[in-house]
Amino acid sequence: MYKEIIRDIKLKLRLRMNGEASAFMRNRGLRYQLNYGLDAMAMRDLAAQYTPDATLAGLLWNESSRECKILATMIQPKDSFTPAMADEWLDACFTTELQEQLCFNLLQHLPFAPAKALEWIHAAGSERQSAGYSLLLRLILSGKPLPELNEARQLAETAIRSEHFQLQLQAGKFLERISTTD
């Protein structure tokens, strides 16, 4: 059954393929094994055709295409996604785009998101810290209640001096947003 659904999804992706967008992303350094070049609206339209399903989302997440991975973040049922799965999926994000899509489409809607974001900004790796700031920013923008952010602010002030560009960028965005909401 799932093989047929995935085959149907891949056919729909091929029919909507945007070669120019795919080439543009590739030229900008987004190296996916397979990239159909679909934009966010096309991805949302496609996701709306499927009922949230954890098995299907897991299978899509393990596919090699950009769009299958993004679609997985859209159809994963929120009530069955665990903190451990958040760590696993984040570890599989090999581009900043996937990391941001994971935060935007799925993680920001989960009850454990604030705790996970704070855990990640305290982590050792720059990629994980970057994801933590991205998730905190999503939570702030969506008006979710957050714990006291003084410690996160202090960590971000250090992170903006990191040698890791994405960490600098996400920490900077976070600092900019909380400075306008104070």
C-alpha atoms as a PDB file:
ATOM      1  CA  MET A   1       0.000   0.000   0.000  1.00  0.00           C
ATOM      2  CA  TYR A   2       2.709   2.531   0.987  1.00  0.00           C
ATOM      3  CA  LYS A   3       4.796   1.690  -2.069  1.00  0.00           C
ATOM      4  CA  GLU A   4       1.853   2.713  -4.253  1.00  0.00           C
ATOM      5  CA  ILE A   5       1.339   5.957  -2.327  1.00  0.00           C
ATOM      6  CA  ILE A   6       5.018   6.866  -2.591  1.00  0.00           C
ATOM      7  CA  ARG A   7       5.013   6.026  -6.296  1.00  0.00           C
ATOM      8  CA  ASP A   8       1.963   8.306  -6.694  1.00  0.00           C
ATOM      9  CA  ILE A   9       3.706  11.113  -4.775  1.00  0.00           C
ATOM     10  CA  LYS A  10       6.829  10.813  -6.898  1.00  0.00           C
ATOM     11  CA  LEU A  11       4.740  10.933 -10.068  1.00  0.00           C
ATOM     12  CA  LYS A  12       3.020  14.109  -8.850  1.00  0.00           C
ATOM     13  CA  LEU A  13       6.414  15.600  -8.004  1.00  0.00           C
ATOM     14  CA  ARG A  14       7.752  14.823 -11.482  1.00  0.00           C
ATOM     15  CA  LEU A  15       4.695  16.374 -13.109  1.00  0.00           C
ATOM     16  CA  ARG A  16       5.219  19.597 -11.141  1.00  0.00           C
ATOM     17  CA  MET A  17       8.997  19.624 -11.501  1.00  0.00           C
ATOM     18  CA  ASN A  18      10.597  23.048 -11.903  1.00  0.00           C
ATOM     19  CA  GLY A  19      13.993  22.516 -13.478  1.00  0.00           C
ATOM     20  CA  GLU A  20      14.960  26.187 -13.273  1.00  0.00           C
ATOM     21  CA  ALA A  21      14.311  26.327  -9.522  1.00  0.00           C
ATOM     22  CA  SER A  22      16.160  23.060  -9.024  1.00  0.00           C
ATOM     23  CA  ALA A  23      19.181  24.329 -10.980  1.00  0.00           C
ATOM     24  CA  PHE A  24      19.111  27.633  -9.094  1.00  0.00           C
ATOM     25  CA  MET A  25      19.203  25.803  -5.738  1.00  0.00           C
ATOM     26  CA  ARG A  26      22.005  23.536  -6.924  1.00  0.00           C
ATOM     27  CA  ASN A  27      24.020  26.572  -8.083  1.00  0.00           C
ATOM     28  CA  ARG A  28      23.486  28.172  -4.663  1.00  0.00           C
ATOM     29  CA  GLY A  29      24.933  25.134  -2.885  1.00  0.00           C
ATOM     30  CA  LEU A  30      21.796  23.147  -2.015  1.00  0.00           C
ATOM     31  CA  ARG A  31      23.031  19.715  -3.006  1.00  0.00           C
ATOM     32  CA  TYR A  32      20.217  17.180  -2.849  1.00  0.00           C
ATOM     33  CA  GLN A  33      20.464  13.786  -4.477  1.00  0.00           C
ATOM     34  CA  LEU A  34      17.137  14.569  -6.146  1.00  0.00           C
ATOM     35  CA  ASN A  35      15.482  17.995  -6.241  1.00  0.00           C
ATOM     36  CA  TYR A  36      12.239  18.613  -8.132  1.00  0.00           C
ATOM     37  CA  GLY A  37      12.357  22.356  -7.444  1.00  0.00           C
ATOM     38  CA  LEU A  38       8.845  22.678  -6.006  1.00  0.00           C
ATOM     39  CA  ASP A  39       8.029  25.809  -4.035  1.00  0.00           C
ATOM     40  CA  ALA A  40       6.334  25.940  -0.634  1.00  0.00           C
ATOM     41  CA  MET A  41       2.829  26.464  -2.035  1.00  0.00           C
ATOM     42  CA  ALA A  42       3.093  23.455  -4.341  1.00  0.00           C
ATOM     43  CA  MET A  43       4.373  21.372  -1.426  1.00  0.00           C
ATOM     44  CA  ARG A  44       1.418  22.462   0.771  1.00  0.00           C
ATOM     45  CA  ASP A  45      -1.034  21.631  -2.014  1.00  0.00           C
ATOM     46  CA  LEU A  46       0.488  18.175  -2.340  1.00  0.00           C
ATOM     47  CA  ALA A  47       0.532  17.572   1.411  1.00  0.00           C
ATOM     48  CA  ALA A  48      -3.156  18.492   1.635  1.00  0.00           C
ATOM     49  CA  GLN A  49      -3.958  15.484  -0.560  1.00  0.00           C
ATOM     50  CA  TYR A  50      -2.756  13.053   2.117  1.00  0.00           C
ATOM     51  CA  THR A  51      -4.003  12.199   5.578  1.00  0.00           C
ATOM     52  CA  PRO A  52      -1.369  12.613   8.305  1.00  0.00           C
ATOM     53  CA  ASP A  53       0.330   9.236   8.651  1.00  0.00           C
ATOM     54  CA  ALA A  54       3.432   8.464  10.710  1.00  0.00           C
ATOM     55  CA  THR A  55       4.448   5.449   8.632  1.00  0.00           C
ATOM     56  CA  LEU A  56       4.149   7.340   5.367  1.00  0.00           C
ATOM     57  CA  ALA A  57       6.010  10.321   6.826  1.00  0.00           C
ATOM     58  CA  GLY A  58       8.825   8.051   8.009  1.00  0.00           C
ATOM     59  CA  LEU A  59       9.104   6.418   4.597  1.00  0.00           C
ATOM     60  CA  LEU A  60       9.129   9.803   2.869  1.00  0.00           C
ATOM     61  CA  TRP A  61      11.772  11.095   5.280  1.00  0.00           C
ATOM     62  CA  ASN A  62      14.018   8.210   4.234  1.00  0.00           C
ATOM     63  CA  GLU A  63      13.643   9.000   0.520  1.00  0.00           C
ATOM     64  CA  SER A  64      16.464  10.806  -1.261  1.00  0.00           C
ATOM     65  CA  SER A  65      14.508  13.747  -2.669  1.00  0.00           C
ATOM     66  CA  ARG A  66      14.229  17.188  -1.136  1.00  0.00           C
ATOM     67  CA  GLU A  67      10.481  17.277  -1.659  1.00  0.00           C
ATOM     68  CA  CYS A  68       9.847  13.880  -0.042  1.00  0.00           C
ATOM     69  CA  LYS A  69      11.698  14.997   3.078  1.00  0.00           C
ATOM     70  CA  ILE A  70       9.828  18.302   3.242  1.00  0.00           C
ATOM     71  CA  LEU A  71       6.522  16.532   2.605  1.00  0.00           C
ATOM     72  CA  ALA A  72       7.310  14.184   5.511  1.00  0.00           C
ATOM     73  CA  THR A  73       7.491  17.194   7.856  1.00  0.00           C
ATOM     74  CA  MET A  74       4.050  18.254   6.642  1.00  0.00           C
ATOM     75  CA  ILE A  75       2.215  14.949   6.987  1.00  0.00           C
ATOM     76  CA  GLN A  76       3.821  13.626  10.161  1.00  0.00           C
ATOM     77  CA  PRO A  77       1.063  13.488  12.825  1.00  0.00           C
ATOM     78  CA  LYS A  78       2.038  15.803  15.632  1.00  0.00           C
ATOM     79  CA  ASP A  79       0.642  13.582  18.382  1.00  0.00           C
ATOM     80  CA  SER A  80       2.979  10.702  17.524  1.00  0.00           C
ATOM     81  CA  PHE A  81       6.209  12.648  17.062  1.00  0.00           C
ATOM     82  CA  THR A  82       8.500  12.288  20.057  1.00  0.00           C
ATOM     83  CA  PRO A  83      11.470  14.295  21.348  1.00  0.00           C
ATOM     84  CA  ALA A  84      13.740  11.388  20.360  1.00  0.00           C
ATOM     85  CA  MET A  85      12.355  11.510  16.810  1.00  0.00           C
ATOM     86  CA  ALA A  86      13.029  15.265  16.727  1.00  0.00           C
ATOM     87  CA  ASP A  87      16.692  14.541  17.476  1.00  0.00           C
ATOM     88  CA  GLU A  88      16.838  11.777  14.850  1.00  0.00           C
ATOM     89  CA  TRP A  89      15.222  13.886  12.145  1.00  0.00           C
ATOM     90  CA  LEU A  90      17.418  16.859  12.966  1.00  0.00           C
ATOM     91  CA  ASP A  91      20.510  14.658  12.673  1.00  0.00           C
ATOM     92  CA  ALA A  92      19.340  13.704   9.165  1.00  0.00           C
ATOM     93  CA  CYS A  93      18.995  17.351   8.059  1.00  0.00           C
ATOM     94  CA  PHE A  94      21.982  17.879   5.792  1.00  0.00           C
ATOM     95  CA  THR A  95      20.905  21.354   4.649  1.00  0.00           C
ATOM     96  CA  THR A  96      19.767  24.442   6.506  1.00  0.00           C
ATOM     97  CA  GLU A  97      16.624  24.401   4.383  1.00  0.00           C
ATOM     98  CA  LEU A  98      15.609  20.973   5.705  1.00  0.00           C
ATOM     99  CA  GLN A  99      16.358  22.096   9.252  1.00  0.00           C
ATOM    100  CA  GLU A 100      14.162  25.176   8.813  1.00  0.00           C
ATOM    101  CA  GLN A 101      11.361  23.176   7.173  1.00  0.00           C
ATOM    102  CA  LEU A 102      11.445  20.688  10.048  1.00  0.00           C
ATOM    103  CA  CYS A 103      11.116  23.534  12.561  1.00  0.00           C
ATOM    104  CA  PHE A 104       8.461  25.422  10.587  1.00  0.00           C
ATOM    105  CA  ASN A 105       6.218  22.567   9.446  1.00  0.00           C
ATOM    106  CA  LEU A 106       6.422  20.288  12.447  1.00  0.00           C
ATOM    107  CA  LEU A 107       8.478  21.085  15.520  1.00  0.00           C
ATOM    108  CA  GLN A 108       7.030  24.510  16.366  1.00  0.00           C
ATOM    109  CA  HIS A 109       3.605  22.858  16.795  1.00  0.00           C
ATOM    110  CA  LEU A 110       4.725  20.302  19.376  1.00  0.00           C
ATOM    111  CA  PRO A 111       4.288  20.717  23.129  1.00  0.00           C
ATOM    112  CA  PHE A 112       7.923  19.813  23.819  1.00  0.00           C
ATOM    113  CA  ALA A 113       9.294  22.362  21.307  1.00  0.00           C
ATOM    114  CA  PRO A 114      10.408  25.011  23.847  1.00  0.00           C
ATOM    115  CA  ALA A 115      12.317  22.456  25.918  1.00  0.00           C
ATOM    116  CA  LYS A 116      13.865  20.898  22.800  1.00  0.00           C
ATOM    117  CA  ALA A 117      14.954  24.310  21.462  1.00  0.00           C
ATOM    118  CA  LEU A 118      16.638  25.168  24.769  1.00  0.00           C
ATOM    119  CA  GLU A 119      18.297  21.729  24.861  1.00  0.00           C
ATOM    120  CA  TRP A 120      19.667  22.251  21.360  1.00  0.00           C
ATOM    121  CA  ILE A 121      21.127  25.705  22.006  1.00  0.00           C
ATOM    122  CA  HIS A 122      23.073  24.145  24.888  1.00  0.00           C
ATOM    123  CA  ALA A 123      24.357  21.292  22.669  1.00  0.00           C
ATOM    124  CA  ALA A 124      27.962  20.972  21.586  1.00  0.00           C
ATOM    125  CA  GLY A 125      27.451  21.097  17.809  1.00  0.00           C
ATOM    126  CA  SER A 126      26.940  24.289  15.824  1.00  0.00           C
ATOM    127  CA  GLU A 127      24.287  22.641  13.600  1.00  0.00           C
ATOM    128  CA  ARG A 128      22.191  21.652  16.600  1.00  0.00           C
ATOM    129  CA  GLN A 129      22.593  25.081  18.209  1.00  0.00           C
ATOM    130  CA  SER A 130      21.534  26.710  14.944  1.00  0.00           C
ATOM    131  CA  ALA A 131      18.405  24.528  14.883  1.00  0.00           C
ATOM    132  CA  GLY A 132      17.683  25.510  18.480  1.00  0.00           C
ATOM    133  CA  TYR A 133      17.719  29.216  17.629  1.00  0.00           C
ATOM    134  CA  SER A 134      15.660  28.590  14.494  1.00  0.00           C
ATOM    135  CA  LEU A 135      13.051  26.754  16.572  1.00  0.00           C
ATOM    136  CA  LEU A 136      13.033  29.427  19.282  1.00  0.00           C
ATOM    137  CA  LEU A 137      12.497  32.064  16.611  1.00  0.00           C
ATOM    138  CA  ARG A 138       9.583  30.090  15.122  1.00  0.00           C
ATOM    139  CA  LEU A 139       8.019  29.791  18.593  1.00  0.00           C
ATOM    140  CA  ILE A 140       8.382  33.528  19.220  1.00  0.00           C
ATOM    141  CA  LEU A 141       6.916  34.406  15.821  1.00  0.00           C
ATOM    142  CA  SER A 142       3.939  32.116  16.389  1.00  0.00           C
ATOM    143  CA  GLY A 143       3.255  33.643  19.816  1.00  0.00           C
ATOM    144  CA  LYS A 144       3.880  30.467  21.793  1.00  0.00           C
ATOM    145  CA  PRO A 145       4.549  30.879  25.517  1.00  0.00           C
ATOM    146  CA  LEU A 146       8.241  30.464  26.270  1.00  0.00           C
ATOM    147  CA  PRO A 147      10.292  30.149  29.420  1.00  0.00           C
ATOM    148  CA  GLU A 148      12.562  32.997  30.488  1.00  0.00           C
ATOM    149  CA  LEU A 149      14.985  33.680  27.648  1.00  0.00           C
ATOM    150  CA  ASN A 150      17.798  35.518  29.462  1.00  0.00           C
ATOM    151  CA  GLU A 151      20.120  32.525  29.320  1.00  0.00           C
ATOM    152  CA  ALA A 152      19.248  31.931  25.636  1.00  0.00           C
ATOM    153  CA  ARG A 153      20.013  35.601  24.956  1.00  0.00           C
ATOM    154  CA  GLN A 154      23.428  35.281  26.632  1.00  0.00           C
ATOM    155  CA  LEU A 155      24.244  32.145  24.657  1.00  0.00           C
ATOM    156  CA  ALA A 156      23.119  33.828  21.418  1.00  0.00           C
ATOM    157  CA  GLU A 157      25.389  36.799  22.109  1.00  0.00           C
ATOM    158  CA  THR A 158      28.290  34.351  22.168  1.00  0.00           C
ATOM    159  CA  ALA A 159      26.971  32.362  19.184  1.00  0.00           C
ATOM    160  CA  ILE A 160      26.925  35.388  16.872  1.00  0.00           C
ATOM    161  CA  ARG A 161      30.729  35.391  17.118  1.00  0.00           C
ATOM    162  CA  SER A 162      30.919  31.740  16.041  1.00  0.00           C
ATOM    163  CA  GLU A 163      32.858  30.709  12.944  1.00  0.00           C
ATOM    164  CA  HIS A 164      29.776  28.748  11.817  1.00  0.00           C
ATOM    165  CA  PHE A 165      27.781  31.025   9.497  1.00  0.00           C
ATOM    166  CA  GLN A 166      24.345  29.449  10.017  1.00  0.00           C
ATOM    167  CA  LEU A 167      24.748  29.594  13.788  1.00  0.00           C
ATOM    168  CA  GLN A 168      25.687  33.280  13.533  1.00  0.00           C
ATOM    169  CA  LEU A 169      22.685  33.914  11.303  1.00  0.00           C
ATOM    170  CA  GLN A 170      20.103  32.069  13.433  1.00  0.00           C
ATOM    171  CA  ALA A 171      21.417  33.483  16.711  1.00  0.00           C
ATOM    172  CA  GLY A 172      21.391  36.968  15.172  1.00  0.00           C
ATOM    173  CA  LYS A 173      17.795  36.590  13.978  1.00  0.00           C
ATOM    174  CA  PHE A 174      16.814  35.364  17.439  1.00  0.00           C
ATOM    175  CA  LEU A 175      18.505  38.312  19.152  1.00  0.00           C
ATOM    176  CA  GLU A 176      16.939  40.774  16.733  1.00  0.00           C
ATOM    177  CA  ARG A 177      13.452  39.378  17.350  1.00  0.00           C
ATOM    178  CA  ILE A 178      13.665  39.283  21.144  1.00  0.00           C
ATOM    179  CA  SER A 179      15.075  42.796  21.227  1.00  0.00           C
ATOM    180  CA  THR A 180      11.965  44.060  19.399  1.00  0.00           C
ATOM    181  CA  THR A 181       9.586  42.153  21.704  1.00  0.00           C
ATOM    182  CA  ASP A 182      11.135  43.271  25.005  1.00  0.00           C
END
